[in-house]
Amino acid sequence: LYYFDYNADRAEYIARRTHSGHFGINQVLTHVAQDDLPFGGVGNSGMGKYHGPEGFFSLSHERSVMLKPRFYAFKMILPPFNTSIHKILQKTLIR
């Protein structure tokens, strides 16, 4: 939101009663040049925040990636057990 007025009280009044991704007083687009500030609109007028770490998280989709290694430890604890695993489990779990 861009607001043009040299009265600080009115500017603060507007800033506190509006909802926007940015509130610029007597300046336009200077916030876009600040890479470390989140930039973007809110609600239907914007696409979220971008620039800096906020932009990375806003424009990213987290997901997990799992790769089964060659040595798969779950084979030792999931049935069906082969004879050697069965013997090891009996010795360690049953006392």
C-alpha atoms as a PDB file:
ATOM      1  CA  LEU A   1       0.000   0.000   0.000  1.00  0.00           C
ATOM      2  CA  TYR A   2       1.406   3.401  -0.936  1.00  0.00           C
ATOM      3  CA  TYR A   3       0.388   6.392   1.168  1.00  0.00           C
ATOM      4  CA  PHE A   4       1.349   9.982   0.409  1.00  0.00           C
ATOM      5  CA  ASP A   5       1.107  12.471   3.259  1.00  0.00           C
ATOM      6  CA  TYR A   6       3.569  14.290   5.492  1.00  0.00           C
ATOM      7  CA  ASN A   7       1.354  14.022   8.555  1.00  0.00           C
ATOM      8  CA  ALA A   8       2.858  11.224  10.662  1.00  0.00           C
ATOM      9  CA  ASP A   9      -0.281  10.752  12.787  1.00  0.00           C
ATOM     10  CA  ARG A  10      -2.492  10.169   9.745  1.00  0.00           C
ATOM     11  CA  ALA A  11       0.064   7.809   8.223  1.00  0.00           C
ATOM     12  CA  GLU A  12       0.178   5.770  11.428  1.00  0.00           C
ATOM     13  CA  TYR A  13      -3.630   5.755  11.590  1.00  0.00           C
ATOM     14  CA  ILE A  14      -3.854   4.314   8.056  1.00  0.00           C
ATOM     15  CA  ALA A  15      -1.028   1.834   8.654  1.00  0.00           C
ATOM     16  CA  ARG A  16      -2.706   0.425  11.770  1.00  0.00           C
ATOM     17  CA  ARG A  17      -6.083   0.033  10.084  1.00  0.00           C
ATOM     18  CA  THR A  18      -5.067  -1.558   6.812  1.00  0.00           C
ATOM     19  CA  HIS A  19      -3.700  -4.966   5.912  1.00  0.00           C
ATOM     20  CA  SER A  20      -1.040  -5.180   3.216  1.00  0.00           C
ATOM     21  CA  GLY A  21       2.253  -6.832   2.381  1.00  0.00           C
ATOM     22  CA  HIS A  22       3.989  -3.437   2.514  1.00  0.00           C
ATOM     23  CA  PHE A  23       3.066   0.054   3.633  1.00  0.00           C
ATOM     24  CA  GLY A  24       5.106   2.754   1.905  1.00  0.00           C
ATOM     25  CA  ILE A  25       4.872   6.358   3.029  1.00  0.00           C
ATOM     26  CA  ASN A  26       5.863   8.905   0.370  1.00  0.00           C
ATOM     27  CA  GLN A  27       7.864   6.363  -1.612  1.00  0.00           C
ATOM     28  CA  VAL A  28       7.140   3.815  -4.323  1.00  0.00           C
ATOM     29  CA  LEU A  29       8.815   0.485  -5.115  1.00  0.00           C
ATOM     30  CA  THR A  30      11.894   1.031  -2.946  1.00  0.00           C
ATOM     31  CA  HIS A  31      10.966  -2.028  -0.869  1.00  0.00           C
ATOM     32  CA  VAL A  32      11.312  -4.216  -3.977  1.00  0.00           C
ATOM     33  CA  ALA A  33      15.032  -3.431  -4.141  1.00  0.00           C
ATOM     34  CA  GLN A  34      15.582  -4.743  -0.605  1.00  0.00           C
ATOM     35  CA  ASP A  35      16.449  -8.411  -1.088  1.00  0.00           C
ATOM     36  CA  ASP A  36      16.275  -9.169   2.626  1.00  0.00           C
ATOM     37  CA  LEU A  37      12.704  -7.892   3.024  1.00  0.00           C
ATOM     38  CA  PRO A  38       9.771 -10.182   2.296  1.00  0.00           C
ATOM     39  CA  PHE A  39       7.862  -8.822  -0.684  1.00  0.00           C
ATOM     40  CA  GLY A  40       4.368  -9.617  -1.875  1.00  0.00           C
ATOM     41  CA  GLY A  41       0.713  -8.900  -1.355  1.00  0.00           C
ATOM     42  CA  VAL A  42      -1.774 -10.519   0.965  1.00  0.00           C
ATOM     43  CA  GLY A  43      -5.077 -12.214   0.278  1.00  0.00           C
ATOM     44  CA  ASN A  44      -6.419 -12.213  -3.272  1.00  0.00           C
ATOM     45  CA  SER A  45      -4.234  -9.268  -4.249  1.00  0.00           C
ATOM     46  CA  GLY A  46      -0.948 -11.078  -3.828  1.00  0.00           C
ATOM     47  CA  MET A  47       0.893 -14.303  -4.319  1.00  0.00           C
ATOM     48  CA  GLY A  48       2.463 -14.477  -0.882  1.00  0.00           C
ATOM     49  CA  LYS A  49       5.942 -13.354   0.013  1.00  0.00           C
ATOM     50  CA  TYR A  50       9.075 -13.622  -2.025  1.00  0.00           C
ATOM     51  CA  HIS A  51      12.655 -12.331  -1.609  1.00  0.00           C
ATOM     52  CA  GLY A  52      14.988 -13.689   1.028  1.00  0.00           C
ATOM     53  CA  PRO A  53      14.233 -16.738   3.178  1.00  0.00           C
ATOM     54  CA  GLU A  54      10.496 -15.937   3.330  1.00  0.00           C
ATOM     55  CA  GLY A  55      10.371 -16.174  -0.450  1.00  0.00           C
ATOM     56  CA  PHE A  56      12.153 -19.494  -0.471  1.00  0.00           C
ATOM     57  CA  PHE A  57       9.660 -21.007   1.963  1.00  0.00           C
ATOM     58  CA  SER A  58       6.661 -19.344   0.329  1.00  0.00           C
ATOM     59  CA  LEU A  59       7.543 -20.526  -3.166  1.00  0.00           C
ATOM     60  CA  SER A  60       8.780 -23.972  -2.110  1.00  0.00           C
ATOM     61  CA  HIS A  61       6.919 -27.146  -1.419  1.00  0.00           C
ATOM     62  CA  GLU A  62       8.510 -29.215   1.308  1.00  0.00           C
ATOM     63  CA  ARG A  63       8.554 -32.924   0.765  1.00  0.00           C
ATOM     64  CA  SER A  64      10.389 -35.861   2.159  1.00  0.00           C
ATOM     65  CA  VAL A  65      12.685 -37.972   0.013  1.00  0.00           C
ATOM     66  CA  MET A  66      13.758 -41.399   1.171  1.00  0.00           C
ATOM     67  CA  LEU A  67      16.233 -43.743  -0.451  1.00  0.00           C
ATOM     68  CA  LYS A  68      16.521 -47.347   0.599  1.00  0.00           C
ATOM     69  CA  PRO A  69      20.224 -48.045   1.179  1.00  0.00           C
ATOM     70  CA  ARG A  70      21.969 -51.213   0.088  1.00  0.00           C
ATOM     71  CA  PHE A  71      22.159 -52.354   3.696  1.00  0.00           C
ATOM     72  CA  TYR A  72      18.532 -52.253   4.762  1.00  0.00           C
ATOM     73  CA  ALA A  73      18.347 -52.611   8.552  1.00  0.00           C
ATOM     74  CA  PHE A  74      14.572 -53.069   8.578  1.00  0.00           C
ATOM     75  CA  LYS A  75      15.045 -56.493   7.025  1.00  0.00           C
ATOM     76  CA  MET A  76      16.418 -57.606  10.386  1.00  0.00           C
ATOM     77  CA  ILE A  77      13.391 -56.481  12.389  1.00  0.00           C
ATOM     78  CA  LEU A  78      10.484 -57.118  10.018  1.00  0.00           C
ATOM     79  CA  PRO A  79       9.013 -60.577   9.454  1.00  0.00           C
ATOM     80  CA  PRO A  80       9.451 -63.045   7.895  1.00  0.00           C
ATOM     81  CA  PHE A  81      12.660 -63.721   9.799  1.00  0.00           C
ATOM     82  CA  ASN A  82      15.317 -66.032   8.486  1.00  0.00           C
ATOM     83  CA  THR A  83      16.918 -68.486  10.891  1.00  0.00           C
ATOM     84  CA  SER A  84      19.966 -66.395  11.806  1.00  0.00           C
ATOM     85  CA  ILE A  85      17.930 -63.246  12.490  1.00  0.00           C
ATOM     86  CA  HIS A  86      15.440 -65.288  14.488  1.00  0.00           C
ATOM     87  CA  LYS A  87      18.245 -66.658  16.682  1.00  0.00           C
ATOM     88  CA  ILE A  88      19.704 -63.172  17.253  1.00  0.00           C
ATOM     89  CA  LEU A  89      16.296 -61.801  18.227  1.00  0.00           C
ATOM     90  CA  GLN A  90      15.697 -64.682  20.608  1.00  0.00           C
ATOM     91  CA  LYS A  91      19.034 -64.101  22.335  1.00  0.00           C
ATOM     92  CA  THR A  92      18.592 -60.346  22.672  1.00  0.00           C
ATOM     93  CA  LEU A  93      14.870 -60.025  23.336  1.00  0.00           C
ATOM     94  CA  ILE A  94      14.033 -63.151  25.295  1.00  0.00           C
ATOM     95  CA  ARG A  95      15.932 -63.558  28.556  1.00  0.00           C
END
